[in-house]
PDB file of N, CA and C in Angstrom:
ATOM      1  N   MET A   1       7.062  -3.668  -9.902  1.00  0.00           N
ATOM      2  CA  MET A   1       6.164  -3.087  -8.929  1.00  0.00           C
ATOM      3  C   MET A   1       6.385  -1.588  -8.882  1.00  0.00           C
ATOM      4  N   ASN A   2       5.302  -0.857  -8.848  1.00  0.00           N
ATOM      5  CA  ASN A   2       5.335   0.576  -8.609  1.00  0.00           C
ATOM      6  C   ASN A   2       4.666   0.838  -7.276  1.00  0.00           C
ATOM      7  N   MET A   3       5.286   1.702  -6.457  1.00  0.00           N
ATOM      8  CA  MET A   3       4.691   2.059  -5.175  1.00  0.00           C
ATOM      9  C   MET A   3       4.373   3.548  -5.185  1.00  0.00           C
ATOM     10  N   SER A   4       3.120   3.858  -4.927  1.00  0.00           N
ATOM     11  CA  SER A   4       2.686   5.242  -4.798  1.00  0.00           C
ATOM     12  C   SER A   4       2.495   5.545  -3.319  1.00  0.00           C
ATOM     13  N   ILE A   5       3.012   6.689  -2.887  1.00  0.00           N
ATOM     14  CA  ILE A   5       2.892   7.085  -1.492  1.00  0.00           C
ATOM     15  C   ILE A   5       1.968   8.294  -1.421  1.00  0.00           C
ATOM     16  N   ILE A   6       0.933   8.174  -0.601  1.00  0.00           N
ATOM     17  CA  ILE A   6      -0.039   9.234  -0.399  1.00  0.00           C
ATOM     18  C   ILE A   6       0.199   9.801   1.005  1.00  0.00           C
ATOM     19  N   SER A   7       0.344  11.104   1.101  1.00  0.00           N
ATOM     20  CA  SER A   7       0.522  11.699   2.426  1.00  0.00           C
ATOM     21  C   SER A   7      -0.289  12.981   2.513  1.00  0.00           C
ATOM     22  N   GLY A   8      -0.525  13.417   3.717  1.00  0.00           N
ATOM     23  CA  GLY A   8      -1.279  14.643   3.937  1.00  0.00           C
ATOM     24  C   GLY A   8      -1.843  14.668   5.336  1.00  0.00           C
ATOM     25  N   LEU A   9      -2.360  15.806   5.700  1.00  0.00           N
ATOM     26  CA  LEU A   9      -2.943  15.960   7.023  1.00  0.00           C
ATOM     27  C   LEU A   9      -4.289  15.242   7.111  1.00  0.00           C
ATOM     28  N   SER A  10      -4.763  15.079   8.315  1.00  0.00           N
ATOM     29  CA  SER A  10      -6.064  14.467   8.548  1.00  0.00           C
ATOM     30  C   SER A  10      -7.140  15.228   7.783  1.00  0.00           C
ATOM     31  N   GLY A  11      -7.999  14.495   7.089  1.00  0.00           N
ATOM     32  CA  GLY A  11      -9.083  15.108   6.338  1.00  0.00           C
ATOM     33  C   GLY A  11      -8.717  15.578   4.949  1.00  0.00           C
ATOM     34  N   SER A  12      -7.492  15.270   4.510  1.00  0.00           N
ATOM     35  CA  SER A  12      -7.048  15.756   3.194  1.00  0.00           C
ATOM     36  C   SER A  12      -7.447  14.848   2.037  1.00  0.00           C
ATOM     37  N   GLY A  13      -8.069  13.703   2.327  1.00  0.00           N
ATOM     38  CA  GLY A  13      -8.546  12.829   1.255  1.00  0.00           C
ATOM     39  C   GLY A  13      -7.652  11.646   0.938  1.00  0.00           C
ATOM     40  N   LYS A  14      -6.763  11.281   1.849  1.00  0.00           N
ATOM     41  CA  LYS A  14      -5.868  10.140   1.604  1.00  0.00           C
ATOM     42  C   LYS A  14      -6.653   8.850   1.385  1.00  0.00           C
ATOM     43  N   SER A  15      -7.635   8.605   2.243  1.00  0.00           N
ATOM     44  CA  SER A  15      -8.422   7.373   2.118  1.00  0.00           C
ATOM     45  C   SER A  15      -9.254   7.372   0.845  1.00  0.00           C
ATOM     46  N   VAL A  16      -9.758   8.515   0.453  1.00  0.00           N
ATOM     47  CA  VAL A  16     -10.524   8.618  -0.800  1.00  0.00           C
ATOM     48  C   VAL A  16      -9.622   8.283  -1.986  1.00  0.00           C
ATOM     49  N   ALA A  17      -8.408   8.818  -1.963  1.00  0.00           N
ATOM     50  CA  ALA A  17      -7.453   8.524  -3.036  1.00  0.00           C
ATOM     51  C   ALA A  17      -7.123   7.030  -3.075  1.00  0.00           C
ATOM     52  N   LEU A  18      -6.949   6.431  -1.896  1.00  0.00           N
ATOM     53  CA  LEU A  18      -6.657   4.992  -1.849  1.00  0.00           C
ATOM     54  C   LEU A  18      -7.806   4.167  -2.405  1.00  0.00           C
ATOM     55  N   HIS A  19      -9.041   4.565  -2.097  1.00  0.00           N
ATOM     56  CA  HIS A  19     -10.199   3.823  -2.623  1.00  0.00           C
ATOM     57  C   HIS A  19     -10.225   3.886  -4.153  1.00  0.00           C
ATOM     58  N   ALA A  20      -9.879   5.026  -4.708  1.00  0.00           N
ATOM     59  CA  ALA A  20      -9.838   5.151  -6.169  1.00  0.00           C
ATOM     60  C   ALA A  20      -8.738   4.262  -6.748  1.00  0.00           C
ATOM     61  N   LEU A  21      -7.590   4.233  -6.103  1.00  0.00           N
ATOM     62  CA  LEU A  21      -6.499   3.377  -6.580  1.00  0.00           C
ATOM     63  C   LEU A  21      -6.849   1.900  -6.420  1.00  0.00           C
ATOM     64  N   GLU A  22      -7.545   1.574  -5.344  1.00  0.00           N
ATOM     65  CA  GLU A  22      -7.983   0.193  -5.123  1.00  0.00           C
ATOM     66  C   GLU A  22      -8.914  -0.253  -6.254  1.00  0.00           C
ATOM     67  N   ASP A  23      -9.766   0.653  -6.708  1.00  0.00           N
ATOM     68  CA  ASP A  23     -10.646   0.350  -7.834  1.00  0.00           C
ATOM     69  C   ASP A  23      -9.859   0.111  -9.124  1.00  0.00           C
ATOM     70  N   MET A  24      -8.634   0.640  -9.163  1.00  0.00           N
ATOM     71  CA  MET A  24      -7.757   0.444 -10.329  1.00  0.00           C
ATOM     72  C   MET A  24      -6.820  -0.752 -10.120  1.00  0.00           C
ATOM     73  N   ASP A  25      -7.167  -1.629  -9.161  1.00  0.00           N
ATOM     74  CA  ASP A  25      -6.459  -2.873  -8.863  1.00  0.00           C
ATOM     75  C   ASP A  25      -5.102  -2.680  -8.181  1.00  0.00           C
ATOM     76  N   TYR A  26      -4.955  -1.583  -7.446  1.00  0.00           N
ATOM     77  CA  TYR A  26      -3.769  -1.408  -6.612  1.00  0.00           C
ATOM     78  C   TYR A  26      -3.974  -2.169  -5.315  1.00  0.00           C
ATOM     79  N   TYR A  27      -2.887  -2.659  -4.747  1.00  0.00           N
ATOM     80  CA  TYR A  27      -2.890  -3.202  -3.392  1.00  0.00           C
ATOM     81  C   TYR A  27      -2.667  -2.002  -2.478  1.00  0.00           C
ATOM     82  N   CYS A  28      -3.595  -1.711  -1.564  1.00  0.00           N
ATOM     83  CA  CYS A  28      -3.553  -0.469  -0.789  1.00  0.00           C
ATOM     84  C   CYS A  28      -3.450  -0.722   0.704  1.00  0.00           C
ATOM     85  N   ILE A  29      -2.661   0.116   1.352  1.00  0.00           N
ATOM     86  CA  ILE A  29      -2.520   0.102   2.802  1.00  0.00           C
ATOM     87  C   ILE A  29      -2.812   1.519   3.289  1.00  0.00           C
ATOM     88  N   ASP A  30      -3.710   1.645   4.257  1.00  0.00           N
ATOM     89  CA  ASP A  30      -4.057   2.950   4.809  1.00  0.00           C
ATOM     90  C   ASP A  30      -3.460   3.093   6.207  1.00  0.00           C
ATOM     91  N   ASN A  31      -3.004   4.291   6.534  1.00  0.00           N
ATOM     92  CA  ASN A  31      -2.476   4.633   7.858  1.00  0.00           C
ATOM     93  C   ASN A  31      -1.254   3.820   8.268  1.00  0.00           C
ATOM     94  N   LEU A  32      -0.338   3.628   7.355  1.00  0.00           N
ATOM     95  CA  LEU A  32       0.916   2.939   7.685  1.00  0.00           C
ATOM     96  C   LEU A  32       1.826   3.919   8.421  1.00  0.00           C
ATOM     97  N   PRO A  33       2.331   3.555   9.608  1.00  0.00           N
ATOM     98  CA  PRO A  33       3.288   4.430  10.288  1.00  0.00           C
ATOM     99  C   PRO A  33       4.554   4.590   9.442  1.00  0.00           C
ATOM    100  N   VAL A  34       5.084   5.804   9.399  1.00  0.00           N
ATOM    101  CA  VAL A  34       6.250   6.096   8.572  1.00  0.00           C
ATOM    102  C   VAL A  34       7.413   5.166   8.908  1.00  0.00           C
ATOM    103  N   GLY A  35       7.569   4.822  10.180  1.00  0.00           N
ATOM    104  CA  GLY A  35       8.669   3.964  10.605  1.00  0.00           C
ATOM    105  C   GLY A  35       8.618   2.560  10.022  1.00  0.00           C
ATOM    106  N   LEU A  36       7.456   2.143   9.527  1.00  0.00           N
ATOM    107  CA  LEU A  36       7.327   0.807   8.941  1.00  0.00           C
ATOM    108  C   LEU A  36       7.430   0.810   7.416  1.00  0.00           C
ATOM    109  N   LEU A  37       7.574   1.982   6.811  1.00  0.00           N
ATOM    110  CA  LEU A  37       7.556   2.069   5.352  1.00  0.00           C
ATOM    111  C   LEU A  37       8.676   1.272   4.698  1.00  0.00           C
ATOM    112  N   GLU A  38       9.888   1.396   5.186  1.00  0.00           N
ATOM    113  CA  GLU A  38      11.016   0.688   4.569  1.00  0.00           C
ATOM    114  C   GLU A  38      10.841  -0.828   4.665  1.00  0.00           C
ATOM    115  N   ALA A  39      10.476  -1.326   5.841  1.00  0.00           N
ATOM    116  CA  ALA A  39      10.278  -2.769   6.011  1.00  0.00           C
ATOM    117  C   ALA A  39       9.134  -3.261   5.132  1.00  0.00           C
ATOM    118  N   PHE A  40       8.043  -2.486   5.063  1.00  0.00           N
ATOM    119  CA  PHE A  40       6.912  -2.858   4.219  1.00  0.00           C
ATOM    120  C   PHE A  40       7.326  -2.904   2.756  1.00  0.00           C
ATOM    121  N   ALA A  41       8.061  -1.887   2.318  1.00  0.00           N
ATOM    122  CA  ALA A  41       8.494  -1.831   0.918  1.00  0.00           C
ATOM    123  C   ALA A  41       9.379  -3.036   0.566  1.00  0.00           C
ATOM    124  N   ASN A  42      10.286  -3.388   1.455  1.00  0.00           N
ATOM    125  CA  ASN A  42      11.149  -4.550   1.204  1.00  0.00           C
ATOM    126  C   ASN A  42      10.337  -5.835   1.128  1.00  0.00           C
ATOM    127  N   GLU A  43       9.392  -5.988   2.035  1.00  0.00           N
ATOM    128  CA  GLU A  43       8.568  -7.203   2.058  1.00  0.00           C
ATOM    129  C   GLU A  43       7.676  -7.299   0.828  1.00  0.00           C
ATOM    130  N   ILE A  44       7.017  -6.202   0.487  1.00  0.00           N
ATOM    131  CA  ILE A  44       6.075  -6.234  -0.632  1.00  0.00           C
ATOM    132  C   ILE A  44       6.811  -6.380  -1.960  1.00  0.00           C
ATOM    133  N   ARG A  45       8.022  -5.836  -2.044  1.00  0.00           N
ATOM    134  CA  ARG A  45       8.812  -5.972  -3.278  1.00  0.00           C
ATOM    135  C   ARG A  45       9.072  -7.449  -3.581  1.00  0.00           C
ATOM    136  N   GLU A  46       9.417  -8.209  -2.561  1.00  0.00           N
ATOM    137  CA  GLU A  46       9.671  -9.636  -2.752  1.00  0.00           C
ATOM    138  C   GLU A  46       8.412 -10.386  -3.172  1.00  0.00           C
ATOM    139  N   GLN A  47       7.269  -9.986  -2.653  1.00  0.00           N
ATOM    140  CA  GLN A  47       6.022 -10.698  -2.932  1.00  0.00           C
ATOM    141  C   GLN A  47       5.387 -10.313  -4.265  1.00  0.00           C
ATOM    142  N   THR A  48       5.607  -9.093  -4.729  1.00  0.00           N
ATOM    143  CA  THR A  48       4.922  -8.635  -5.941  1.00  0.00           C
ATOM    144  C   THR A  48       5.819  -8.592  -7.157  1.00  0.00           C
ATOM    145  N   ILE A  49       7.073  -8.975  -7.008  1.00  0.00           N
ATOM    146  CA  ILE A  49       8.006  -8.868  -8.126  1.00  0.00           C
ATOM    147  C   ILE A  49       7.568  -9.718  -9.312  1.00  0.00           C
ATOM    148  N   SER A  50       6.911 -10.830  -9.025  1.00  0.00           N
ATOM    149  CA  SER A  50       6.522 -11.723 -10.117  1.00  0.00           C
ATOM    150  C   SER A  50       5.199 -11.327 -10.764  1.00  0.00           C
ATOM    151  N   ASP A  51       4.294 -10.721 -10.002  1.00  0.00           N
ATOM    152  CA  ASP A  51       2.996 -10.403 -10.592  1.00  0.00           C
ATOM    153  C   ASP A  51       2.873  -8.961 -11.070  1.00  0.00           C
ATOM    154  N   GLY A  52       3.831  -8.104 -10.723  1.00  0.00           N
ATOM    155  CA  GLY A  52       3.843  -6.745 -11.220  1.00  0.00           C
ATOM    156  C   GLY A  52       2.735  -5.859 -10.695  1.00  0.00           C
ATOM    157  N   ARG A  53       2.088  -6.255  -9.622  1.00  0.00           N
ATOM    158  CA  ARG A  53       0.967  -5.481  -9.079  1.00  0.00           C
ATOM    159  C   ARG A  53       1.458  -4.158  -8.495  1.00  0.00           C
ATOM    160  N   ASN A  54       0.682  -3.125  -8.682  1.00  0.00           N
ATOM    161  CA  ASN A  54       1.005  -1.816  -8.135  1.00  0.00           C
ATOM    162  C   ASN A  54       0.546  -1.715  -6.686  1.00  0.00           C
ATOM    163  N   VAL A  55       1.255  -0.906  -5.909  1.00  0.00           N
ATOM    164  CA  VAL A  55       0.991  -0.760  -4.489  1.00  0.00           C
ATOM    165  C   VAL A  55       0.830   0.721  -4.173  1.00  0.00           C
ATOM    166  N   ALA A  56      -0.110   1.056  -3.308  1.00  0.00           N
ATOM    167  CA  ALA A  56      -0.288   2.426  -2.828  1.00  0.00           C
ATOM    168  C   ALA A  56      -0.351   2.403  -1.306  1.00  0.00           C
ATOM    169  N   VAL A  57       0.317   3.363  -0.694  1.00  0.00           N
ATOM    170  CA  VAL A  57       0.389   3.446   0.764  1.00  0.00           C
ATOM    171  C   VAL A  57       0.018   4.857   1.194  1.00  0.00           C
ATOM    172  N   ALA A  58      -0.913   4.969   2.143  1.00  0.00           N
ATOM    173  CA  ALA A  58      -1.214   6.252   2.781  1.00  0.00           C
ATOM    174  C   ALA A  58      -0.498   6.255   4.121  1.00  0.00           C
ATOM    175  N   LEU A  59       0.358   7.241   4.312  1.00  0.00           N
ATOM    176  CA  LEU A  59       1.149   7.303   5.535  1.00  0.00           C
ATOM    177  C   LEU A  59       0.385   7.980   6.655  1.00  0.00           C
ATOM    178  N   MET A  60       0.578   7.442   7.847  1.00  0.00           N
ATOM    179  CA  MET A  60      -0.019   8.030   9.043  1.00  0.00           C
ATOM    180  C   MET A  60       0.802   9.258   9.393  1.00  0.00           C
ATOM    181  N   HIS A  61       0.137  10.389   9.505  1.00  0.00           N
ATOM    182  CA  HIS A  61       0.825  11.634   9.832  1.00  0.00           C
ATOM    183  C   HIS A  61       0.838  11.800  11.335  1.00  0.00           C
ATOM    184  N   VAL A  62       2.040  11.860  11.894  1.00  0.00           N
ATOM    185  CA  VAL A  62       2.187  12.007  13.332  1.00  0.00           C
ATOM    186  C   VAL A  62       2.879  13.339  13.608  1.00  0.00           C
ATOM    187  N   ILE A  63       2.268  14.138  14.438  1.00  0.00           N
ATOM    188  CA  ILE A  63       2.860  15.423  14.807  1.00  0.00           C
ATOM    189  C   ILE A  63       3.473  15.266  16.188  1.00  0.00           C
ATOM    190  N   THR A  64       4.749  15.583  16.280  1.00  0.00           N
ATOM    191  CA  THR A  64       5.415  15.533  17.569  1.00  0.00           C
ATOM    192  C   THR A  64       5.731  16.952  18.016  1.00  0.00           C
ATOM    193  N   ARG A  65       5.605  17.181  19.263  1.00  0.00           N
ATOM    194  CA  ARG A  65       5.887  18.503  19.817  1.00  0.00           C
ATOM    195  C   ARG A  65       7.119  18.445  20.685  1.00  0.00           C
ATOM    196  N   THR A  66       7.913  19.468  20.563  1.00  0.00           N
ATOM    197  CA  THR A  66       9.070  19.574  21.432  1.00  0.00           C
ATOM    198  C   THR A  66       8.895  20.806  22.304  1.00  0.00           C
ATOM    199  N   SER A  67       9.352  20.690  23.519  1.00  0.00           N
ATOM    200  CA  SER A  67       9.189  21.807  24.471  1.00  0.00           C
ATOM    201  C   SER A  67      10.258  22.845  24.281  1.00  0.00           C
TER     202      SER A  67
END
């Protein structure tokens, strides 16, 4: 399994990139919170190890402000 990670600010074309990868038979997830990436990667690795399918993830960009 290969996992591609797409990141960027809102409007940067993450979803467009995912649609192109989906057309290339990637399993795609859009707007995954960064905190779930490790758990998702572990889960998907177990499920795709036998079929070798590629995975692409667009991460949800969260801006936090500190005072």
